[in-house]
Amino acid sequence: MAVAVARARPAARRKRRAKAQRRTAGGAVWIVLVGVLLAGVVALNVAVLRLNLQFDQLARDRDKLRAESAELASELATRSASARTSSLARNRLGYLPADPATTTYLDLGGP
């Protein structure tokens, strides 16, 4: 009987060791799985940060273009003002407004 008891103990020890090894292996798998998930979260956050930086740059470019467009529209309005145009015609080109008394109109006989 002593021999049977002695043999049962190593078998029980082997079972305990196998369970402990399985638990350790299972724990390592969970650690690796959580590590991979955390790396994925970090990579996703980095991608979102890059997109936000690009979005901010595009917003700044858009604001610059809008300011430039407003400046050009203002310049166009200034250059197309009739008082300025009359002044330039008179001073640079020597044109004078036509006298209504000496102006004649030609009728082309249209419908």
PDB file of N, CA and C in Angstrom:
ATOM      1  N   MET A   1       0.792  -1.174   0.000  1.00  0.00           N
ATOM      2  CA  MET A   1       0.000   0.000   0.000  1.00  0.00           C
ATOM      3  C   MET A   1       0.856   1.268   0.000  1.00  0.00           C
ATOM      4  N   ALA A   2       1.961   1.232   0.605  1.00  0.00           N
ATOM      5  CA  ALA A   2       2.842   2.387   0.651  1.00  0.00           C
ATOM      6  C   ALA A   2       3.341   2.736  -0.737  1.00  0.00           C
ATOM      7  N   VAL A   3       3.500   1.715  -1.552  1.00  0.00           N
ATOM      8  CA  VAL A   3       3.974   1.940  -2.907  1.00  0.00           C
ATOM      9  C   VAL A   3       2.898   2.631  -3.729  1.00  0.00           C
ATOM     10  N   ALA A   4       1.662   2.261  -3.569  1.00  0.00           N
ATOM     11  CA  ALA A   4       0.574   2.868  -4.318  1.00  0.00           C
ATOM     12  C   ALA A   4       0.393   4.315  -3.929  1.00  0.00           C
ATOM     13  N   VAL A   5       0.571   4.632  -2.644  1.00  0.00           N
ATOM     14  CA  VAL A   5       0.447   6.012  -2.178  1.00  0.00           C
ATOM     15  C   VAL A   5       1.600   6.849  -2.714  1.00  0.00           C
ATOM     16  N   ALA A   6       2.772   6.276  -2.758  1.00  0.00           N
ATOM     17  CA  ALA A   6       3.941   7.003  -3.242  1.00  0.00           C
ATOM     18  C   ALA A   6       3.800   7.327  -4.721  1.00  0.00           C
ATOM     19  N   ARG A   7       3.187   6.408  -5.468  1.00  0.00           N
ATOM     20  CA  ARG A   7       3.019   6.656  -6.895  1.00  0.00           C
ATOM     21  C   ARG A   7       1.903   7.674  -7.164  1.00  0.00           C
ATOM     22  N   ALA A   8       0.926   7.752  -6.318  1.00  0.00           N
ATOM     23  CA  ALA A   8      -0.187   8.675  -6.504  1.00  0.00           C
ATOM     24  C   ALA A   8       0.262  10.113  -6.300  1.00  0.00           C
ATOM     25  N   ARG A   9       1.181  10.299  -5.416  1.00  0.00           N
ATOM     26  CA  ARG A   9       1.645  11.664  -5.140  1.00  0.00           C
ATOM     27  C   ARG A   9       2.350  12.301  -6.342  1.00  0.00           C
ATOM     28  N   PRO A  10       3.272  11.638  -7.018  1.00  0.00           N
ATOM     29  CA  PRO A  10       3.870  12.277  -8.195  1.00  0.00           C
ATOM     30  C   PRO A  10       2.852  12.554  -9.299  1.00  0.00           C
ATOM     31  N   ALA A  11       1.861  11.710  -9.442  1.00  0.00           N
ATOM     32  CA  ALA A  11       0.831  11.952 -10.456  1.00  0.00           C
ATOM     33  C   ALA A  11       0.032  13.205 -10.102  1.00  0.00           C
ATOM     34  N   ALA A  12      -0.282  13.373  -8.829  1.00  0.00           N
ATOM     35  CA  ALA A  12      -1.004  14.566  -8.385  1.00  0.00           C
ATOM     36  C   ALA A  12      -0.142  15.802  -8.583  1.00  0.00           C
ATOM     37  N   ARG A  13       1.150  15.665  -8.309  1.00  0.00           N
ATOM     38  CA  ARG A  13       2.070  16.796  -8.496  1.00  0.00           C
ATOM     39  C   ARG A  13       2.140  17.187  -9.981  1.00  0.00           C
ATOM     40  N   ARG A  14       2.175  16.174 -10.836  1.00  0.00           N
ATOM     41  CA  ARG A  14       2.226  16.446 -12.270  1.00  0.00           C
ATOM     42  C   ARG A  14       0.964  17.172 -12.730  1.00  0.00           C
ATOM     43  N   LYS A  15      -0.192  16.765 -12.178  1.00  0.00           N
ATOM     44  CA  LYS A  15      -1.446  17.424 -12.527  1.00  0.00           C
ATOM     45  C   LYS A  15      -1.435  18.864 -12.053  1.00  0.00           C
ATOM     46  N   ARG A  16      -0.937  19.080 -10.834  1.00  0.00           N
ATOM     47  CA  ARG A  16      -0.855  20.460 -10.320  1.00  0.00           C
ATOM     48  C   ARG A  16       0.080  21.308 -11.181  1.00  0.00           C
ATOM     49  N   ARG A  17       1.213  20.726 -11.544  1.00  0.00           N
ATOM     50  CA  ARG A  17       2.158  21.469 -12.386  1.00  0.00           C
ATOM     51  C   ARG A  17       1.545  21.792 -13.744  1.00  0.00           C
ATOM     52  N   ALA A  18       0.820  20.843 -14.317  1.00  0.00           N
ATOM     53  CA  ALA A  18       0.180  21.074 -15.622  1.00  0.00           C
ATOM     54  C   ALA A  18      -0.850  22.183 -15.523  1.00  0.00           C
ATOM     55  N   LYS A  19      -1.650  22.176 -14.427  1.00  0.00           N
ATOM     56  CA  LYS A  19      -2.630  23.236 -14.230  1.00  0.00           C
ATOM     57  C   LYS A  19      -1.939  24.583 -14.064  1.00  0.00           C
ATOM     58  N   ALA A  20      -0.866  24.609 -13.280  1.00  0.00           N
ATOM     59  CA  ALA A  20      -0.131  25.856 -13.061  1.00  0.00           C
ATOM     60  C   ALA A  20       0.470  26.365 -14.371  1.00  0.00           C
ATOM     61  N   GLN A  21       0.989  25.445 -15.179  1.00  0.00           N
ATOM     62  CA  GLN A  21       1.564  25.851 -16.461  1.00  0.00           C
ATOM     63  C   GLN A  21       0.479  26.379 -17.401  1.00  0.00           C
ATOM     64  N   ARG A  22      -0.698  25.733 -17.376  1.00  0.00           N
ATOM     65  CA  ARG A  22      -1.793  26.216 -18.202  1.00  0.00           C
ATOM     66  C   ARG A  22      -2.235  27.593 -17.756  1.00  0.00           C
ATOM     67  N   ARG A  23      -2.315  27.802 -16.436  1.00  0.00           N
ATOM     68  CA  ARG A  23      -2.705  29.128 -15.934  1.00  0.00           C
ATOM     69  C   ARG A  23      -1.676  30.175 -16.319  1.00  0.00           C
ATOM     70  N   THR A  24      -0.418  29.819 -16.215  1.00  0.00           N
ATOM     71  CA  THR A  24       0.642  30.762 -16.587  1.00  0.00           C
ATOM     72  C   THR A  24       0.584  31.067 -18.075  1.00  0.00           C
ATOM     73  N   ALA A  25       0.385  30.064 -18.878  1.00  0.00           N
ATOM     74  CA  ALA A  25       0.295  30.273 -20.327  1.00  0.00           C
ATOM     75  C   ALA A  25      -0.944  31.095 -20.656  1.00  0.00           C
ATOM     76  N   GLY A  26      -2.063  30.802 -19.997  1.00  0.00           N
ATOM     77  CA  GLY A  26      -3.274  31.587 -20.220  1.00  0.00           C
ATOM     78  C   GLY A  26      -3.090  33.032 -19.811  1.00  0.00           C
ATOM     79  N   GLY A  27      -2.408  33.276 -18.707  1.00  0.00           N
ATOM     80  CA  GLY A  27      -2.120  34.644 -18.269  1.00  0.00           C
ATOM     81  C   GLY A  27      -1.234  35.382 -19.260  1.00  0.00           C
ATOM     82  N   ALA A  28      -0.249  34.673 -19.813  1.00  0.00           N
ATOM     83  CA  ALA A  28       0.641  35.291 -20.800  1.00  0.00           C
ATOM     84  C   ALA A  28      -0.133  35.654 -22.063  1.00  0.00           C
ATOM     85  N   VAL A  29      -1.059  34.805 -22.445  1.00  0.00           N
ATOM     86  CA  VAL A  29      -1.880  35.104 -23.630  1.00  0.00           C
ATOM     87  C   VAL A  29      -2.710  36.357 -23.382  1.00  0.00           C
ATOM     88  N   TRP A  30      -3.290  36.475 -22.202  1.00  0.00           N
ATOM     89  CA  TRP A  30      -4.083  37.660 -21.880  1.00  0.00           C
ATOM     90  C   TRP A  30      -3.213  38.914 -21.860  1.00  0.00           C
ATOM     91  N   ILE A  31      -2.023  38.799 -21.323  1.00  0.00           N
ATOM     92  CA  ILE A  31      -1.117  39.959 -21.281  1.00  0.00           C
ATOM     93  C   ILE A  31      -0.778  40.404 -22.701  1.00  0.00           C
ATOM     94  N   VAL A  32      -0.473  39.460 -23.574  1.00  0.00           N
ATOM     95  CA  VAL A  32      -0.146  39.789 -24.966  1.00  0.00           C
ATOM     96  C   VAL A  32      -1.367  40.396 -25.656  1.00  0.00           C
ATOM     97  N   LEU A  33      -2.542  39.824 -25.408  1.00  0.00           N
ATOM     98  CA  LEU A  33      -3.767  40.330 -26.028  1.00  0.00           C
ATOM     99  C   LEU A  33      -4.057  41.767 -25.588  1.00  0.00           C
ATOM    100  N   VAL A  34      -3.932  42.039 -24.302  1.00  0.00           N
ATOM    101  CA  VAL A  34      -4.161  43.399 -23.801  1.00  0.00           C
ATOM    102  C   VAL A  34      -3.102  44.348 -24.357  1.00  0.00           C
ATOM    103  N   GLY A  35      -1.862  43.891 -24.458  1.00  0.00           N
ATOM    104  CA  GLY A  35      -0.800  44.723 -25.034  1.00  0.00           C
ATOM    105  C   GLY A  35      -1.082  45.082 -26.482  1.00  0.00           C
ATOM    106  N   VAL A  36      -1.563  44.122 -27.256  1.00  0.00           N
ATOM    107  CA  VAL A  36      -1.895  44.381 -28.666  1.00  0.00           C
ATOM    108  C   VAL A  36      -3.055  45.367 -28.758  1.00  0.00           C
ATOM    109  N   LEU A  37      -4.060  45.189 -27.906  1.00  0.00           N
ATOM    110  CA  LEU A  37      -5.193  46.121 -27.928  1.00  0.00           C
ATOM    111  C   LEU A  37      -4.756  47.536 -27.549  1.00  0.00           C
ATOM    112  N   LEU A  38      -3.899  47.657 -26.551  1.00  0.00           N
ATOM    113  CA  LEU A  38      -3.407  48.987 -26.166  1.00  0.00           C
ATOM    114  C   LEU A  38      -2.586  49.615 -27.282  1.00  0.00           C
ATOM    115  N   ALA A  39      -1.783  48.809 -27.960  1.00  0.00           N
ATOM    116  CA  ALA A  39      -1.009  49.341 -29.092  1.00  0.00           C
ATOM    117  C   ALA A  39      -1.950  49.824 -30.191  1.00  0.00           C
ATOM    118  N   GLY A  40      -3.042  49.109 -30.411  1.00  0.00           N
ATOM    119  CA  GLY A  40      -4.023  49.541 -31.403  1.00  0.00           C
ATOM    120  C   GLY A  40      -4.677  50.852 -31.025  1.00  0.00           C
ATOM    121  N   VAL A  41      -4.991  51.012 -29.745  1.00  0.00           N
ATOM    122  CA  VAL A  41      -5.591  52.268 -29.283  1.00  0.00           C
ATOM    123  C   VAL A  41      -4.613  53.422 -29.465  1.00  0.00           C
ATOM    124  N   VAL A  42      -3.356  53.203 -29.153  1.00  0.00           N
ATOM    125  CA  VAL A  42      -2.340  54.251 -29.318  1.00  0.00           C
ATOM    126  C   VAL A  42      -2.192  54.604 -30.800  1.00  0.00           C
ATOM    127  N   ALA A  43      -2.151  53.593 -31.660  1.00  0.00           N
ATOM    128  CA  ALA A  43      -2.020  53.857 -33.096  1.00  0.00           C
ATOM    129  C   ALA A  43      -3.227  54.634 -33.611  1.00  0.00           C
ATOM    130  N   LEU A  44      -4.404  54.299 -33.146  1.00  0.00           N
ATOM    131  CA  LEU A  44      -5.606  55.023 -33.552  1.00  0.00           C
ATOM    132  C   LEU A  44      -5.558  56.476 -33.086  1.00  0.00           C
ATOM    133  N   ASN A  45      -5.104  56.704 -31.864  1.00  0.00           N
ATOM    134  CA  ASN A  45      -4.991  58.078 -31.359  1.00  0.00           C
ATOM    135  C   ASN A  45      -3.975  58.882 -32.155  1.00  0.00           C
ATOM    136  N   VAL A  46      -2.881  58.260 -32.543  1.00  0.00           N
ATOM    137  CA  VAL A  46      -1.875  58.955 -33.358  1.00  0.00           C
ATOM    138  C   VAL A  46      -2.462  59.320 -34.714  1.00  0.00           C
ATOM    139  N   ALA A  47      -3.225  58.413 -35.308  1.00  0.00           N
ATOM    140  CA  ALA A  47      -3.846  58.703 -36.604  1.00  0.00           C
ATOM    141  C   ALA A  47      -4.845  59.851 -36.488  1.00  0.00           C
ATOM    142  N   VAL A  48      -5.627  59.869 -35.426  1.00  0.00           N
ATOM    143  CA  VAL A  48      -6.589  60.958 -35.225  1.00  0.00           C
ATOM    144  C   VAL A  48      -5.860  62.275 -35.016  1.00  0.00           C
ATOM    145  N   LEU A  49      -4.765  62.254 -34.274  1.00  0.00           N
ATOM    146  CA  LEU A  49      -3.981  63.474 -34.055  1.00  0.00           C
ATOM    147  C   LEU A  49      -3.428  64.007 -35.370  1.00  0.00           C
ATOM    148  N   ARG A  50      -2.934  63.131 -36.220  1.00  0.00           N
ATOM    149  CA  ARG A  50      -2.415  63.577 -37.523  1.00  0.00           C
ATOM    150  C   ARG A  50      -3.523  64.197 -38.373  1.00  0.00           C
ATOM    151  N   LEU A  51      -4.691  63.564 -38.361  1.00  0.00           N
ATOM    152  CA  LEU A  51      -5.807  64.124 -39.125  1.00  0.00           C
ATOM    153  C   LEU A  51      -6.227  65.483 -38.578  1.00  0.00           C
ATOM    154  N   ASN A  52      -6.211  65.643 -37.266  1.00  0.00           N
ATOM    155  CA  ASN A  52      -6.548  66.946 -36.682  1.00  0.00           C
ATOM    156  C   ASN A  52      -5.535  68.008 -37.078  1.00  0.00           C
ATOM    157  N   LEU A  53      -4.264  67.642 -37.126  1.00  0.00           N
ATOM    158  CA  LEU A  53      -3.241  68.600 -37.551  1.00  0.00           C
ATOM    159  C   LEU A  53      -3.461  69.008 -39.009  1.00  0.00           C
ATOM    160  N   GLN A  54      -3.777  68.044 -39.850  1.00  0.00           N
ATOM    161  CA  GLN A  54      -4.057  68.375 -41.253  1.00  0.00           C
ATOM    162  C   GLN A  54      -5.299  69.251 -41.370  1.00  0.00           C
ATOM    163  N   PHE A  55      -6.307  68.947 -40.581  1.00  0.00           N
ATOM    164  CA  PHE A  55      -7.534  69.743 -40.593  1.00  0.00           C
ATOM    165  C   PHE A  55      -7.249  71.183 -40.167  1.00  0.00           C
ATOM    166  N   ASP A  56      -6.431  71.361 -39.132  1.00  0.00           N
ATOM    167  CA  ASP A  56      -6.085  72.710 -38.684  1.00  0.00           C
ATOM    168  C   ASP A  56      -5.318  73.472 -39.762  1.00  0.00           C
ATOM    169  N   GLN A  57      -4.397  72.790 -40.437  1.00  0.00           N
ATOM    170  CA  GLN A  57      -3.635  73.445 -41.504  1.00  0.00           C
ATOM    171  C   GLN A  57      -4.562  73.853 -42.643  1.00  0.00           C
ATOM    172  N   LEU A  58      -5.483  72.980 -43.010  1.00  0.00           N
ATOM    173  CA  LEU A  58      -6.432  73.314 -44.076  1.00  0.00           C
ATOM    174  C   LEU A  58      -7.339  74.479 -43.672  1.00  0.00           C
ATOM    175  N   ALA A  59      -7.719  74.529 -42.403  1.00  0.00           N
ATOM    176  CA  ALA A  59      -8.556  75.637 -41.933  1.00  0.00           C
ATOM    177  C   ALA A  59      -7.776  76.954 -42.001  1.00  0.00           C
ATOM    178  N   ARG A  60      -6.491  76.912 -41.638  1.00  0.00           N
ATOM    179  CA  ARG A  60      -5.674  78.126 -41.738  1.00  0.00           C
ATOM    180  C   ARG A  60      -5.525  78.561 -43.195  1.00  0.00           C
ATOM    181  N   ASP A  61      -5.297  77.602 -44.095  1.00  0.00           N
ATOM    182  CA  ASP A  61      -5.187  77.928 -45.524  1.00  0.00           C
ATOM    183  C   ASP A  61      -6.492  78.531 -46.047  1.00  0.00           C
ATOM    184  N   ARG A  62      -7.615  77.949 -45.626  1.00  0.00           N
ATOM    185  CA  ARG A  62      -8.923  78.465 -46.048  1.00  0.00           C
ATOM    186  C   ARG A  62      -9.122  79.902 -45.575  1.00  0.00           C
ATOM    187  N   ASP A  63      -8.735  80.181 -44.330  1.00  0.00           N
ATOM    188  CA  ASP A  63      -8.881  81.542 -43.805  1.00  0.00           C
ATOM    189  C   ASP A  63      -8.000  82.527 -44.570  1.00  0.00           C
ATOM    190  N   LYS A  64      -6.775  82.101 -44.913  1.00  0.00           N
ATOM    191  CA  LYS A  64      -5.898  82.969 -45.708  1.00  0.00           C
ATOM    192  C   LYS A  64      -6.516  83.261 -47.069  1.00  0.00           C
ATOM    193  N   LEU A  65      -7.051  82.227 -47.706  1.00  0.00           N
ATOM    194  CA  LEU A  65      -7.654  82.418 -49.032  1.00  0.00           C
ATOM    195  C   LEU A  65      -8.885  83.313 -48.961  1.00  0.00           C
ATOM    196  N   ARG A  66      -9.678  83.169 -47.910  1.00  0.00           N
ATOM    197  CA  ARG A  66     -10.850  84.045 -47.768  1.00  0.00           C
ATOM    198  C   ARG A  66     -10.420  85.490 -47.563  1.00  0.00           C
ATOM    199  N   ALA A  67      -9.381  85.712 -46.768  1.00  0.00           N
ATOM    200  CA  ALA A  67      -8.893  87.074 -46.553  1.00  0.00           C
ATOM    201  C   ALA A  67      -8.349  87.660 -47.852  1.00  0.00           C
ATOM    202  N   GLU A  68      -7.613  86.848 -48.602  1.00  0.00           N
ATOM    203  CA  GLU A  68      -7.076  87.311 -49.881  1.00  0.00           C
ATOM    204  C   GLU A  68      -8.200  87.618 -50.870  1.00  0.00           C
ATOM    205  N   SER A  69      -9.220  86.786 -50.881  1.00  0.00           N
ATOM    206  CA  SER A  69     -10.362  87.010 -51.769  1.00  0.00           C
ATOM    207  C   SER A  69     -11.088  88.301 -51.402  1.00  0.00           C
ATOM    208  N   ALA A  70     -11.269  88.539 -50.113  1.00  0.00           N
ATOM    209  CA  ALA A  70     -11.926  89.776 -49.684  1.00  0.00           C
ATOM    210  C   ALA A  70     -11.085  90.994 -50.059  1.00  0.00           C
ATOM    211  N   GLU A  71      -9.768  90.877 -49.917  1.00  0.00           N
ATOM    212  CA  GLU A  71      -8.883  91.977 -50.284  1.00  0.00           C
ATOM    213  C   GLU A  71      -8.958  92.255 -51.788  1.00  0.00           C
ATOM    214  N   LEU A  72      -8.972  91.206 -52.602  1.00  0.00           N
ATOM    215  CA  LEU A  72      -9.070  91.385 -54.053  1.00  0.00           C
ATOM    216  C   LEU A  72     -10.418  91.958 -54.462  1.00  0.00           C
ATOM    217  N   ALA A  73     -11.488  91.530 -53.784  1.00  0.00           N
ATOM    218  CA  ALA A  73     -12.810  92.085 -54.089  1.00  0.00           C
ATOM    219  C   ALA A  73     -12.860  93.568 -53.749  1.00  0.00           C
ATOM    220  N   SER A  74     -12.238  93.934 -52.644  1.00  0.00           N
ATOM    221  CA  SER A  74     -12.191  95.352 -52.266  1.00  0.00           C
ATOM    222  C   SER A  74     -11.389  96.157 -53.286  1.00  0.00           C
ATOM    223  N   GLU A  75     -10.272  95.594 -53.708  1.00  0.00           N
ATOM    224  CA  GLU A  75      -9.445  96.279 -54.698  1.00  0.00           C
ATOM    225  C   GLU A  75     -10.191  96.413 -56.024  1.00  0.00           C
ATOM    226  N   LEU A  76     -10.921  95.377 -56.415  1.00  0.00           N
ATOM    227  CA  LEU A  76     -11.700  95.428 -57.646  1.00  0.00           C
ATOM    228  C   LEU A  76     -12.791  96.490 -57.554  1.00  0.00           C
ATOM    229  N   ALA A  77     -13.459  96.556 -56.406  1.00  0.00           N
ATOM    230  CA  ALA A  77     -14.502  97.570 -56.239  1.00  0.00           C
ATOM    231  C   ALA A  77     -13.904  98.969 -56.301  1.00  0.00           C
ATOM    232  N   THR A  78     -12.724  99.144 -55.709  1.00  0.00           N
ATOM    233  CA  THR A  78     -12.074 100.452 -55.744  1.00  0.00           C
ATOM    234  C   THR A  78     -11.683 100.830 -57.163  1.00  0.00           C
ATOM    235  N   ARG A  79     -11.138  99.873 -57.894  1.00  0.00           N
ATOM    236  CA  ARG A  79     -10.673 100.160 -59.256  1.00  0.00           C
ATOM    237  C   ARG A  79     -11.828 100.358 -60.239  1.00  0.00           C
ATOM    238  N   SER A  80     -12.972  99.786 -59.954  1.00  0.00           N
ATOM    239  CA  SER A  80     -14.080  99.924 -60.894  1.00  0.00           C
ATOM    240  C   SER A  80     -15.037 101.054 -60.505  1.00  0.00           C
ATOM    241  N   ALA A  81     -14.693 101.836 -59.513  1.00  0.00           N
ATOM    242  CA  ALA A  81     -15.546 102.965 -59.117  1.00  0.00           C
ATOM    243  C   ALA A  81     -15.570 103.986 -60.242  1.00  0.00           C
ATOM    244  N   SER A  82     -16.759 104.523 -60.561  1.00  0.00           N
ATOM    245  CA  SER A  82     -16.895 105.425 -61.710  1.00  0.00           C
ATOM    246  C   SER A  82     -16.177 106.757 -61.481  1.00  0.00           C
ATOM    247  N   ALA A  83     -16.139 107.255 -60.265  1.00  0.00           N
ATOM    248  CA  ALA A  83     -15.436 108.519 -60.007  1.00  0.00           C
ATOM    249  C   ALA A  83     -13.947 108.352 -60.267  1.00  0.00           C
ATOM    250  N   ARG A  84     -13.414 107.247 -59.858  1.00  0.00           N
ATOM    251  CA  ARG A  84     -11.992 107.000 -60.081  1.00  0.00           C
ATOM    252  C   ARG A  84     -11.721 106.829 -61.572  1.00  0.00           C
ATOM    253  N   THR A  85     -12.595 106.102 -62.246  1.00  0.00           N
ATOM    254  CA  THR A  85     -12.426 105.897 -63.682  1.00  0.00           C
ATOM    255  C   THR A  85     -12.496 107.225 -64.429  1.00  0.00           C
ATOM    256  N   SER A  86     -13.445 108.087 -64.071  1.00  0.00           N
ATOM    257  CA  SER A  86     -13.553 109.404 -64.715  1.00  0.00           C
ATOM    258  C   SER A  86     -12.306 110.238 -64.448  1.00  0.00           C
ATOM    259  N   SER A  87     -11.810 110.176 -63.230  1.00  0.00           N
ATOM    260  CA  SER A  87     -10.612 110.936 -62.874  1.00  0.00           C
ATOM    261  C   SER A  87      -9.408 110.456 -63.680  1.00  0.00           C
ATOM    262  N   LEU A  88      -9.243 109.136 -63.784  1.00  0.00           N
ATOM    263  CA  LEU A  88      -8.125 108.603 -64.567  1.00  0.00           C
ATOM    264  C   LEU A  88      -8.256 108.970 -66.045  1.00  0.00           C
ATOM    265  N   ALA A  89      -9.464 108.919 -66.590  1.00  0.00           N
ATOM    266  CA  ALA A  89      -9.668 109.269 -68.005  1.00  0.00           C
ATOM    267  C   ALA A  89      -9.339 110.736 -68.247  1.00  0.00           C
ATOM    268  N   ARG A  90      -9.725 111.563 -67.316  1.00  0.00           N
ATOM    269  CA  ARG A  90      -9.489 112.997 -67.475  1.00  0.00           C
ATOM    270  C   ARG A  90      -8.004 113.326 -67.295  1.00  0.00           C
ATOM    271  N   ASN A  91      -7.380 112.800 -66.259  1.00  0.00           N
ATOM    272  CA  ASN A  91      -6.003 113.181 -65.930  1.00  0.00           C
ATOM    273  C   ASN A  91      -4.967 112.481 -66.802  1.00  0.00           C
ATOM    274  N   ARG A  92      -5.105 111.203 -67.019  1.00  0.00           N
ATOM    275  CA  ARG A  92      -4.078 110.469 -67.753  1.00  0.00           C
ATOM    276  C   ARG A  92      -4.288 110.517 -69.270  1.00  0.00           C
ATOM    277  N   LEU A  93      -5.532 110.407 -69.683  1.00  0.00           N
ATOM    278  CA  LEU A  93      -5.791 110.301 -71.124  1.00  0.00           C
ATOM    279  C   LEU A  93      -6.302 111.595 -71.743  1.00  0.00           C
ATOM    280  N   GLY A  94      -6.662 112.546 -70.922  1.00  0.00           N
ATOM    281  CA  GLY A  94      -7.125 113.819 -71.449  1.00  0.00           C
ATOM    282  C   GLY A  94      -8.559 113.781 -71.952  1.00  0.00           C
ATOM    283  N   TYR A  95      -9.319 112.791 -71.594  1.00  0.00           N
ATOM    284  CA  TYR A  95     -10.718 112.716 -72.011  1.00  0.00           C
ATOM    285  C   TYR A  95     -11.557 113.653 -71.168  1.00  0.00           C
ATOM    286  N   LEU A  96     -12.570 114.213 -71.809  1.00  0.00           N
ATOM    287  CA  LEU A  96     -13.506 115.079 -71.110  1.00  0.00           C
ATOM    288  C   LEU A  96     -14.915 114.531 -71.316  1.00  0.00           C
ATOM    289  N   PRO A  97     -15.812 114.796 -70.384  1.00  0.00           N
ATOM    290  CA  PRO A  97     -17.199 114.342 -70.597  1.00  0.00           C
ATOM    291  C   PRO A  97     -17.798 115.064 -71.797  1.00  0.00           C
ATOM    292  N   ALA A  98     -18.617 114.360 -72.524  1.00  0.00           N
ATOM    293  CA  ALA A  98     -19.228 114.939 -73.728  1.00  0.00           C
ATOM    294  C   ALA A  98     -20.271 115.970 -73.326  1.00  0.00           C
ATOM    295  N   ASP A  99     -20.299 117.064 -74.087  1.00  0.00           N
ATOM    296  CA  ASP A  99     -21.286 118.119 -73.845  1.00  0.00           C
ATOM    297  C   ASP A  99     -22.601 117.656 -74.468  1.00  0.00           C
ATOM    298  N   PRO A 100     -23.679 117.606 -73.684  1.00  0.00           N
ATOM    299  CA  PRO A 100     -24.954 117.125 -74.237  1.00  0.00           C
ATOM    300  C   PRO A 100     -25.470 117.988 -75.392  1.00  0.00           C
ATOM    301  N   ALA A 101     -25.096 119.275 -75.444  1.00  0.00           N
ATOM    302  CA  ALA A 101     -25.594 120.151 -76.508  1.00  0.00           C
ATOM    303  C   ALA A 101     -24.936 119.825 -77.844  1.00  0.00           C
ATOM    304  N   THR A 102     -23.734 119.345 -77.802  1.00  0.00           N
ATOM    305  CA  THR A 102     -23.020 119.063 -79.053  1.00  0.00           C
ATOM    306  C   THR A 102     -23.058 117.586 -79.418  1.00  0.00           C
ATOM    307  N   THR A 103     -23.737 116.797 -78.642  1.00  0.00           N
ATOM    308  CA  THR A 103     -23.794 115.368 -78.887  1.00  0.00           C
ATOM    309  C   THR A 103     -24.940 115.052 -79.824  1.00  0.00           C
ATOM    310  N   THR A 104     -24.666 114.258 -80.821  1.00  0.00           N
ATOM    311  CA  THR A 104     -25.703 113.829 -81.756  1.00  0.00           C
ATOM    312  C   THR A 104     -25.812 112.312 -81.704  1.00  0.00           C
ATOM    313  N   TYR A 105     -26.987 111.833 -81.923  1.00  0.00           N
ATOM    314  CA  TYR A 105     -27.234 110.398 -81.887  1.00  0.00           C
ATOM    315  C   TYR A 105     -27.652 109.948 -83.273  1.00  0.00           C
ATOM    316  N   LEU A 106     -27.273 108.792 -83.647  1.00  0.00           N
ATOM    317  CA  LEU A 106     -27.590 108.240 -84.954  1.00  0.00           C
ATOM    318  C   LEU A 106     -28.629 107.148 -84.761  1.00  0.00           C
ATOM    319  N   ASP A 107     -29.736 107.256 -85.468  1.00  0.00           N
ATOM    320  CA  ASP A 107     -30.793 106.272 -85.395  1.00  0.00           C
ATOM    321  C   ASP A 107     -30.571 105.260 -86.529  1.00  0.00           C
ATOM    322  N   LEU A 108     -30.393 104.015 -86.159  1.00  0.00           N
ATOM    323  CA  LEU A 108     -30.137 102.968 -87.159  1.00  0.00           C
ATOM    324  C   LEU A 108     -31.401 102.352 -87.692  1.00  0.00           C
ATOM    325  N   GLY A 109     -32.558 102.786 -87.221  1.00  0.00           N
ATOM    326  CA  GLY A 109     -33.822 102.324 -87.755  1.00  0.00           C
ATOM    327  C   GLY A 109     -34.117 100.888 -87.361  1.00  0.00           C
ATOM    328  N   GLY A 110     -33.795 100.519 -86.196  1.00  0.00           N
ATOM    329  CA  GLY A 110     -34.070  99.147 -85.718  1.00  0.00           C
ATOM    330  C   GLY A 110     -35.524  98.972 -85.372  1.00  0.00           C
ATOM    331  N   PRO A 111     -35.964  97.758 -85.191  1.00  0.00           N
ATOM    332  CA  PRO A 111     -37.383  97.490 -84.898  1.00  0.00           C
ATOM    333  C   PRO A 111     -37.875  98.026 -83.608  1.00  0.00           C
TER     334      PRO A 111
END
